C-alpha atoms as a PDB file:
ATOM      1  CA  UNK A   1      71.785-107.378  26.706  1.00  0.00           C
ATOM      2  CA  UNK A   2      71.848-106.988  30.503  1.00  0.00           C
ATOM      3  CA  UNK A   3      71.503-110.143  32.571  1.00  0.00           C
ATOM      4  CA  UNK A   4      67.959-110.032  34.148  1.00  0.00           C
ATOM      5  CA  UNK A   5      68.157-113.426  35.887  1.00  0.00           C
ATOM      6  CA  UNK A   6      67.132-113.248  39.451  1.00  0.00           C
ATOM      7  CA  UNK A   7      65.720-109.766  39.049  1.00  0.00           C
ATOM      8  CA  UNK A   8      62.406-108.985  40.837  1.00  0.00           C
ATOM      9  CA  UNK A   9      59.499-107.217  39.125  1.00  0.00           C
ATOM     10  CA  UNK A  10      60.186-104.175  41.185  1.00  0.00           C
ATOM     11  CA  UNK A  11      63.532-103.673  39.400  1.00  0.00           C
ATOM     12  CA  UNK A  12      61.605-103.030  36.053  1.00  0.00           C
ATOM     13  CA  UNK A  13      59.296-100.418  37.531  1.00  0.00           C
ATOM     14  CA  UNK A  14      60.037 -96.679  37.520  1.00  0.00           C
ATOM     15  CA  UNK A  15      58.217 -96.388  40.819  1.00  0.00           C
ATOM     16  CA  UNK A  16      60.106 -96.247  44.054  1.00  0.00           C
ATOM     17  CA  UNK A  17      57.139 -95.676  46.322  1.00  0.00           C
ATOM     18  CA  UNK A  18      53.752 -94.236  46.829  1.00  0.00           C
ATOM     19  CA  UNK A  19      53.318 -91.947  49.886  1.00  0.00           C
ATOM     20  CA  UNK A  20      51.101 -89.071  50.940  1.00  0.00           C
ATOM     21  CA  UNK A  21      48.958 -89.487  47.754  1.00  0.00           C
ATOM     22  CA  UNK A  22      52.142 -88.921  45.705  1.00  0.00           C
ATOM     23  CA  UNK A  23      53.950 -91.294  43.349  1.00  0.00           C
ATOM     24  CA  UNK A  24      57.780 -91.260  43.928  1.00  0.00           C
ATOM     25  CA  UNK A  25      59.823 -92.419  40.954  1.00  0.00           C
ATOM     26  CA  UNK A  26      63.316 -93.785  41.335  1.00  0.00           C
ATOM     27  CA  UNK A  27      64.802 -90.723  39.749  1.00  0.00           C
ATOM     28  CA  UNK A  28      63.475 -88.615  42.588  1.00  0.00           C
ATOM     29  CA  UNK A  29      60.739 -86.938  40.683  1.00  0.00           C
ATOM     30  CA  UNK A  30      57.172 -86.867  41.977  1.00  0.00           C
ATOM     31  CA  UNK A  31      53.755 -87.488  40.207  1.00  0.00           C
ATOM     32  CA  UNK A  32      50.054 -86.670  41.141  1.00  0.00           C
ATOM     33  CA  UNK A  33      47.440 -88.526  39.174  1.00  0.00           C
ATOM     34  CA  UNK A  34      44.025 -86.863  38.593  1.00  0.00           C
ATOM     35  CA  UNK A  35      41.136 -88.933  37.607  1.00  0.00           C
ATOM     36  CA  UNK A  36      38.965 -86.821  35.257  1.00  0.00           C
ATOM     37  CA  UNK A  37      35.380 -86.800  34.088  1.00  0.00           C
ATOM     38  CA  UNK A  38      34.692 -87.172  30.225  1.00  0.00           C
ATOM     39  CA  UNK A  39      33.388 -84.589  27.948  1.00  0.00           C
ATOM     40  CA  UNK A  40      31.113 -85.425  25.053  1.00  0.00           C
ATOM     41  CA  UNK A  41      32.411 -82.984  22.440  1.00  0.00           C
ATOM     42  CA  UNK A  42      30.427 -84.380  19.486  1.00  0.00           C
ATOM     43  CA  UNK A  43      27.021 -83.527  21.236  1.00  0.00           C
ATOM     44  CA  UNK A  44      27.886 -79.750  21.729  1.00  0.00           C
ATOM     45  CA  UNK A  45      26.894 -77.106  19.381  1.00  0.00           C
ATOM     46  CA  UNK A  46      29.444 -75.421  17.044  1.00  0.00           C
ATOM     47  CA  UNK A  47      29.782 -72.458  19.341  1.00  0.00           C
ATOM     48  CA  UNK A  48      30.254 -74.569  22.311  1.00  0.00           C
ATOM     49  CA  UNK A  49      32.869 -76.685  20.726  1.00  0.00           C
ATOM     50  CA  UNK A  50      34.725 -73.505  19.575  1.00  0.00           C
ATOM     51  CA  UNK A  51      34.465 -72.265  23.252  1.00  0.00           C
ATOM     52  CA  UNK A  52      36.032 -75.605  24.522  1.00  0.00           C
ATOM     53  CA  UNK A  53      38.806 -75.505  22.068  1.00  0.00           C
ATOM     54  CA  UNK A  54      39.572 -71.907  22.990  1.00  0.00           C
ATOM     55  CA  UNK A  55      39.611 -72.593  26.723  1.00  0.00           C
ATOM     56  CA  UNK A  56      41.801 -75.706  26.253  1.00  0.00           C
ATOM     57  CA  UNK A  57      44.179 -73.843  24.117  1.00  0.00           C
ATOM     58  CA  UNK A  58      44.448 -71.098  26.908  1.00  0.00           C
ATOM     59  CA  UNK A  59      44.963 -73.758  29.403  1.00  0.00           C
ATOM     60  CA  UNK A  60      47.869 -75.583  27.709  1.00  0.00           C
ATOM     61  CA  UNK A  61      49.490 -72.204  26.930  1.00  0.00           C
ATOM     62  CA  UNK A  62      49.376 -71.072  30.452  1.00  0.00           C
ATOM     63  CA  UNK A  63      51.389 -74.051  31.689  1.00  0.00           C
ATOM     64  CA  UNK A  64      55.067 -73.938  32.165  1.00  0.00           C
ATOM     65  CA  UNK A  65      55.440 -77.754  32.636  1.00  0.00           C
ATOM     66  CA  UNK A  66      54.335 -80.758  30.745  1.00  0.00           C
ATOM     67  CA  UNK A  67      51.327 -83.006  31.300  1.00  0.00           C
ATOM     68  CA  UNK A  68      50.558 -86.609  30.430  1.00  0.00           C
ATOM     69  CA  UNK A  69      47.040 -87.596  29.426  1.00  0.00           C
ATOM     70  CA  UNK A  70      46.229 -91.286  29.921  1.00  0.00           C
ATOM     71  CA  UNK A  71      43.015 -93.265  28.762  1.00  0.00           C
ATOM     72  CA  UNK A  72      42.671 -96.591  30.544  1.00  0.00           C
ATOM     73  CA  UNK A  73      40.502 -98.906  28.517  1.00  0.00           C
ATOM     74  CA  UNK A  74      39.328-102.308  29.701  1.00  0.00           C
ATOM     75  CA  UNK A  75      36.651-104.837  28.729  1.00  0.00           C
ATOM     76  CA  UNK A  76      33.660-104.247  30.906  1.00  0.00           C
ATOM     77  CA  UNK A  77      33.299-106.998  33.515  1.00  0.00           C
ATOM     78  CA  UNK A  78      29.642-107.582  34.441  1.00  0.00           C
ATOM     79  CA  UNK A  79      30.219-110.691  36.517  1.00  0.00           C
ATOM     80  CA  UNK A  80      29.552-109.050  39.877  1.00  0.00           C
ATOM     81  CA  UNK A  81      26.297-107.335  38.600  1.00  0.00           C
ATOM     82  CA  UNK A  82      25.039-110.715  37.221  1.00  0.00           C
ATOM     83  CA  UNK A  83      25.712-112.228  40.645  1.00  0.00           C
ATOM     84  CA  UNK A  84      23.740-109.476  42.226  1.00  0.00           C
ATOM     85  CA  UNK A  85      20.871-110.130  39.869  1.00  0.00           C
ATOM     86  CA  UNK A  86      20.930-113.899  40.752  1.00  0.00           C
ATOM     87  CA  UNK A  87      20.844-113.140  44.450  1.00  0.00           C
ATOM     88  CA  UNK A  88      17.992-110.744  43.834  1.00  0.00           C
ATOM     89  CA  UNK A  89      16.084-113.363  41.849  1.00  0.00           C
ATOM     90  CA  UNK A  90      16.778-115.951  44.593  1.00  0.00           C
ATOM     91  CA  UNK A  91      15.364-113.552  47.261  1.00  0.00           C
ATOM     92  CA  UNK A  92      12.335-112.406  45.301  1.00  0.00           C
ATOM     93  CA  UNK A  93       9.032-113.645  46.444  1.00  0.00           C
ATOM     94  CA  UNK A  94       6.967-112.832  43.418  1.00  0.00           C
ATOM     95  CA  UNK A  95       7.296-115.380  40.725  1.00  0.00           C
ATOM     96  CA  UNK A  96       6.611-112.882  38.045  1.00  0.00           C
ATOM     97  CA  UNK A  97       9.482-110.663  39.351  1.00  0.00           C
ATOM     98  CA  UNK A  98      11.715-113.824  39.394  1.00  0.00           C
ATOM     99  CA  UNK A  99      11.009-114.463  35.666  1.00  0.00           C
ATOM    100  CA  UNK A 100      11.589-110.846  34.703  1.00  0.00           C
ATOM    101  CA  UNK A 101      14.858-110.697  36.562  1.00  0.00           C
ATOM    102  CA  UNK A 102      16.029-113.774  35.003  1.00  0.00           C
ATOM    103  CA  UNK A 103      15.187-112.716  31.528  1.00  0.00           C
ATOM    104  CA  UNK A 104      16.875-109.413  32.210  1.00  0.00           C
ATOM    105  CA  UNK A 105      20.057-111.067  33.388  1.00  0.00           C
ATOM    106  CA  UNK A 106      20.066-113.268  30.329  1.00  0.00           C
ATOM    107  CA  UNK A 107      19.540-110.256  28.046  1.00  0.00           C
ATOM    108  CA  UNK A 108      22.334-108.242  29.636  1.00  0.00           C
ATOM    109  CA  UNK A 109      24.775-111.331  29.492  1.00  0.00           C
ATOM    110  CA  UNK A 110      24.002-111.917  25.747  1.00  0.00           C
ATOM    111  CA  UNK A 111      24.248-108.247  24.847  1.00  0.00           C
ATOM    112  CA  UNK A 112      27.606-107.842  26.559  1.00  0.00           C
ATOM    113  CA  UNK A 113      29.011-111.037  25.134  1.00  0.00           C
ATOM    114  CA  UNK A 114      27.966-110.076  21.563  1.00  0.00           C
ATOM    115  CA  UNK A 115      29.232-106.540  21.888  1.00  0.00           C
ATOM    116  CA  UNK A 116      32.737-105.375  22.785  1.00  0.00           C
ATOM    117  CA  UNK A 117      31.815-102.972  25.490  1.00  0.00           C
ATOM    118  CA  UNK A 118      34.813-101.074  26.985  1.00  0.00           C
ATOM    119  CA  UNK A 119      35.122 -99.016  30.024  1.00  0.00           C
ATOM    120  CA  UNK A 120      37.264 -95.924  29.843  1.00  0.00           C
ATOM    121  CA  UNK A 121      38.764 -93.945  32.620  1.00  0.00           C
ATOM    122  CA  UNK A 122      40.673 -90.752  31.973  1.00  0.00           C
ATOM    123  CA  UNK A 123      43.685 -89.584  33.931  1.00  0.00           C
ATOM    124  CA  UNK A 124      45.916 -86.457  33.849  1.00  0.00           C
ATOM    125  CA  UNK A 125      49.513 -86.979  35.294  1.00  0.00           C
ATOM    126  CA  UNK A 126      51.157 -83.963  36.805  1.00  0.00           C
ATOM    127  CA  UNK A 127      54.871 -84.118  37.169  1.00  0.00           C
ATOM    128  CA  UNK A 128      57.565 -82.325  39.275  1.00  0.00           C
ATOM    129  CA  UNK A 129      61.173 -82.797  38.685  1.00  0.00           C
ATOM    130  CA  UNK A 130      63.762 -80.609  40.513  1.00  0.00           C
ATOM    131  CA  UNK A 131      66.549 -80.937  37.724  1.00  0.00           C
ATOM    132  CA  UNK A 132      68.756 -78.432  39.369  1.00  0.00           C
ATOM    133  CA  UNK A 133      68.727 -80.053  42.809  1.00  0.00           C
ATOM    134  CA  UNK A 134      69.158 -83.445  41.256  1.00  0.00           C
ATOM    135  CA  UNK A 135      72.292 -82.222  39.414  1.00  0.00           C
ATOM    136  CA  UNK A 136      73.730 -80.770  42.493  1.00  0.00           C
ATOM    137  CA  UNK A 137      72.863 -83.929  44.427  1.00  0.00           C
ATOM    138  CA  UNK A 138      74.808 -85.912  41.896  1.00  0.00           C
ATOM    139  CA  UNK A 139      77.810 -83.648  41.956  1.00  0.00           C
ATOM    140  CA  UNK A 140      78.115 -83.616  45.675  1.00  0.00           C
ATOM    141  CA  UNK A 141      77.505 -87.374  45.845  1.00  0.00           C
ATOM    142  CA  UNK A 142      80.593 -87.872  43.636  1.00  0.00           C
ATOM    143  CA  UNK A 143      82.644 -85.908  46.106  1.00  0.00           C
ATOM    144  CA  UNK A 144      81.391 -87.937  49.078  1.00  0.00           C
ATOM    145  CA  UNK A 145      79.296 -85.063  50.429  1.00  0.00           C
ATOM    146  CA  UNK A 146      75.925 -86.195  49.210  1.00  0.00           C
ATOM    147  CA  UNK A 147      74.656 -88.029  52.334  1.00  0.00           C
ATOM    148  CA  UNK A 148      71.518 -86.485  53.932  1.00  0.00           C
ATOM    149  CA  UNK A 149      69.994 -87.182  57.241  1.00  0.00           C
ATOM    150  CA  UNK A 150      66.619 -88.596  57.345  1.00  0.00           C
ATOM    151  CA  UNK A 151      65.038 -85.213  58.469  1.00  0.00           C
ATOM    152  CA  UNK A 152      66.745 -83.594  55.531  1.00  0.00           C
ATOM    153  CA  UNK A 153      65.329 -86.075  53.097  1.00  0.00           C
ATOM    154  CA  UNK A 154      61.941 -85.561  54.637  1.00  0.00           C
ATOM    155  CA  UNK A 155      62.212 -81.754  54.292  1.00  0.00           C
ATOM    156  CA  UNK A 156      63.186 -82.191  50.626  1.00  0.00           C
ATOM    157  CA  UNK A 157      60.285 -84.345  49.825  1.00  0.00           C
ATOM    158  CA  UNK A 158      57.991 -81.954  51.542  1.00  0.00           C
ATOM    159  CA  UNK A 159      59.316 -79.050  49.513  1.00  0.00           C
ATOM    160  CA  UNK A 160      58.930 -80.899  46.295  1.00  0.00           C
ATOM    161  CA  UNK A 161      55.543 -82.194  47.140  1.00  0.00           C
ATOM    162  CA  UNK A 162      54.230 -78.586  47.993  1.00  0.00           C
ATOM    163  CA  UNK A 163      55.413 -77.465  44.518  1.00  0.00           C
ATOM    164  CA  UNK A 164      53.887 -80.488  42.995  1.00  0.00           C
ATOM    165  CA  UNK A 165      50.480 -79.996  44.477  1.00  0.00           C
ATOM    166  CA  UNK A 166      50.477 -76.258  43.474  1.00  0.00           C
ATOM    167  CA  UNK A 167      50.823 -77.548  39.927  1.00  0.00           C
ATOM    168  CA  UNK A 168      48.041 -80.089  40.513  1.00  0.00           C
ATOM    169  CA  UNK A 169      45.652 -77.260  41.841  1.00  0.00           C
ATOM    170  CA  UNK A 170      46.510 -75.136  38.732  1.00  0.00           C
ATOM    171  CA  UNK A 171      45.650 -78.281  36.368  1.00  0.00           C
ATOM    172  CA  UNK A 172      42.489 -78.839  38.267  1.00  0.00           C
ATOM    173  CA  UNK A 173      41.349 -75.218  37.982  1.00  0.00           C
ATOM    174  CA  UNK A 174      42.401 -75.186  34.335  1.00  0.00           C
ATOM    175  CA  UNK A 175      40.371 -78.288  33.513  1.00  0.00           C
ATOM    176  CA  UNK A 176      37.444 -76.991  35.197  1.00  0.00           C
ATOM    177  CA  UNK A 177      37.552 -73.894  32.916  1.00  0.00           C
ATOM    178  CA  UNK A 178      36.320 -76.191  30.066  1.00  0.00           C
ATOM    179  CA  UNK A 179      34.056 -78.584  31.835  1.00  0.00           C
ATOM    180  CA  UNK A 180      36.303 -81.344  32.940  1.00  0.00           C
ATOM    181  CA  UNK A 181      35.994 -82.196  36.675  1.00  0.00           C
ATOM    182  CA  UNK A 182      39.110 -83.932  38.229  1.00  0.00           C
ATOM    183  CA  UNK A 183      40.094 -85.395  41.589  1.00  0.00           C
ATOM    184  CA  UNK A 184      43.511 -86.524  42.748  1.00  0.00           C
ATOM    185  CA  UNK A 185      43.841 -90.246  43.560  1.00  0.00           C
ATOM    186  CA  UNK A 186      44.879 -91.078  47.188  1.00  0.00           C
ATOM    187  CA  UNK A 187      47.515 -93.500  48.156  1.00  0.00           C
ATOM    188  CA  UNK A 188      45.201 -96.470  48.304  1.00  0.00           C
ATOM    189  CA  UNK A 189      43.670 -95.657  44.962  1.00  0.00           C
ATOM    190  CA  UNK A 190      47.170 -95.259  43.390  1.00  0.00           C
ATOM    191  CA  UNK A 191      48.298 -98.635  44.770  1.00  0.00           C
ATOM    192  CA  UNK A 192      45.108-100.160  43.401  1.00  0.00           C
ATOM    193  CA  UNK A 193      45.646 -98.466  39.926  1.00  0.00           C
ATOM    194  CA  UNK A 194      49.065 -99.599  39.468  1.00  0.00           C
ATOM    195  CA  UNK A 195      48.367-103.065  40.768  1.00  0.00           C
ATOM    196  CA  UNK A 196      45.611-103.351  38.140  1.00  0.00           C
ATOM    197  CA  UNK A 197      47.913-102.060  35.386  1.00  0.00           C
ATOM    198  CA  UNK A 198      50.740-104.506  36.166  1.00  0.00           C
ATOM    199  CA  UNK A 199      48.462-107.443  36.984  1.00  0.00           C
ATOM    200  CA  UNK A 200      45.573-107.100  34.479  1.00  0.00           C
ATOM    201  CA  UNK A 201      44.699-110.873  34.719  1.00  0.00           C
ATOM    202  CA  UNK A 202      44.357-110.906  38.417  1.00  0.00           C
ATOM    203  CA  UNK A 203      42.673-107.551  38.903  1.00  0.00           C
ATOM    204  CA  UNK A 204      39.152-107.382  37.876  1.00  0.00           C
ATOM    205  CA  UNK A 205      37.222-104.004  37.653  1.00  0.00           C
ATOM    206  CA  UNK A 206      33.773-104.369  38.910  1.00  0.00           C
ATOM    207  CA  UNK A 207      30.791-103.033  36.919  1.00  0.00           C
ATOM    208  CA  UNK A 208      29.675-100.750  39.769  1.00  0.00           C
ATOM    209  CA  UNK A 209      32.790 -98.438  39.830  1.00  0.00           C
ATOM    210  CA  UNK A 210      31.919 -94.860  40.581  1.00  0.00           C
ATOM    211  CA  UNK A 211      32.639 -92.563  37.665  1.00  0.00           C
ATOM    212  CA  UNK A 212      35.279 -89.773  38.312  1.00  0.00           C
ATOM    213  CA  UNK A 213      32.507 -87.108  37.997  1.00  0.00           C
ATOM    214  CA  UNK A 214      30.757 -88.445  41.074  1.00  0.00           C
ATOM    215  CA  UNK A 215      33.819 -89.251  43.178  1.00  0.00           C
ATOM    216  CA  UNK A 216      33.957 -87.108  46.431  1.00  0.00           C
END
């Protein structure tokens, strides 16, 4: 077993950096993460379900790269919402409205505590790995010829990123074909996402989070 004493948390992460709305992994590959709307398949008619399945099948068969679908589930945190109700109750002039707000707040609190309500966010991860370039880079590095200037590294990143985002556009169009809307996470949102994933006890998702379908 490898000695992990003194290793930082960063040493155990596959992520090297996040830049230009793109996740850069330590192996040099890139990722775009799309946040997607949901689709209530069960409420659709039989014909509509068949159409969705057909469109999804065509979408998957049209791709020449892999995709990763991630469902992020977390117990719904209504703390901020209850605090808002308390403030509203405090500011309310009408005694009747104060009572109604108080009773409503207690009802919501009791209901959530007795029911395991989970919020779900859907993501599609679009990858790009330049396998041929990586092999060549490793070969030339072994010969001592693999060092690149900062400008060359920047150009290589931009080329990879361009191809990655072409894939992301293809996926976005394909998802739209069967009723799924998607938007790419920007750099700030990516950092917030991964911070929440790796620090679940410190990061609390508020109850007022905007759904993916409404994100501009």
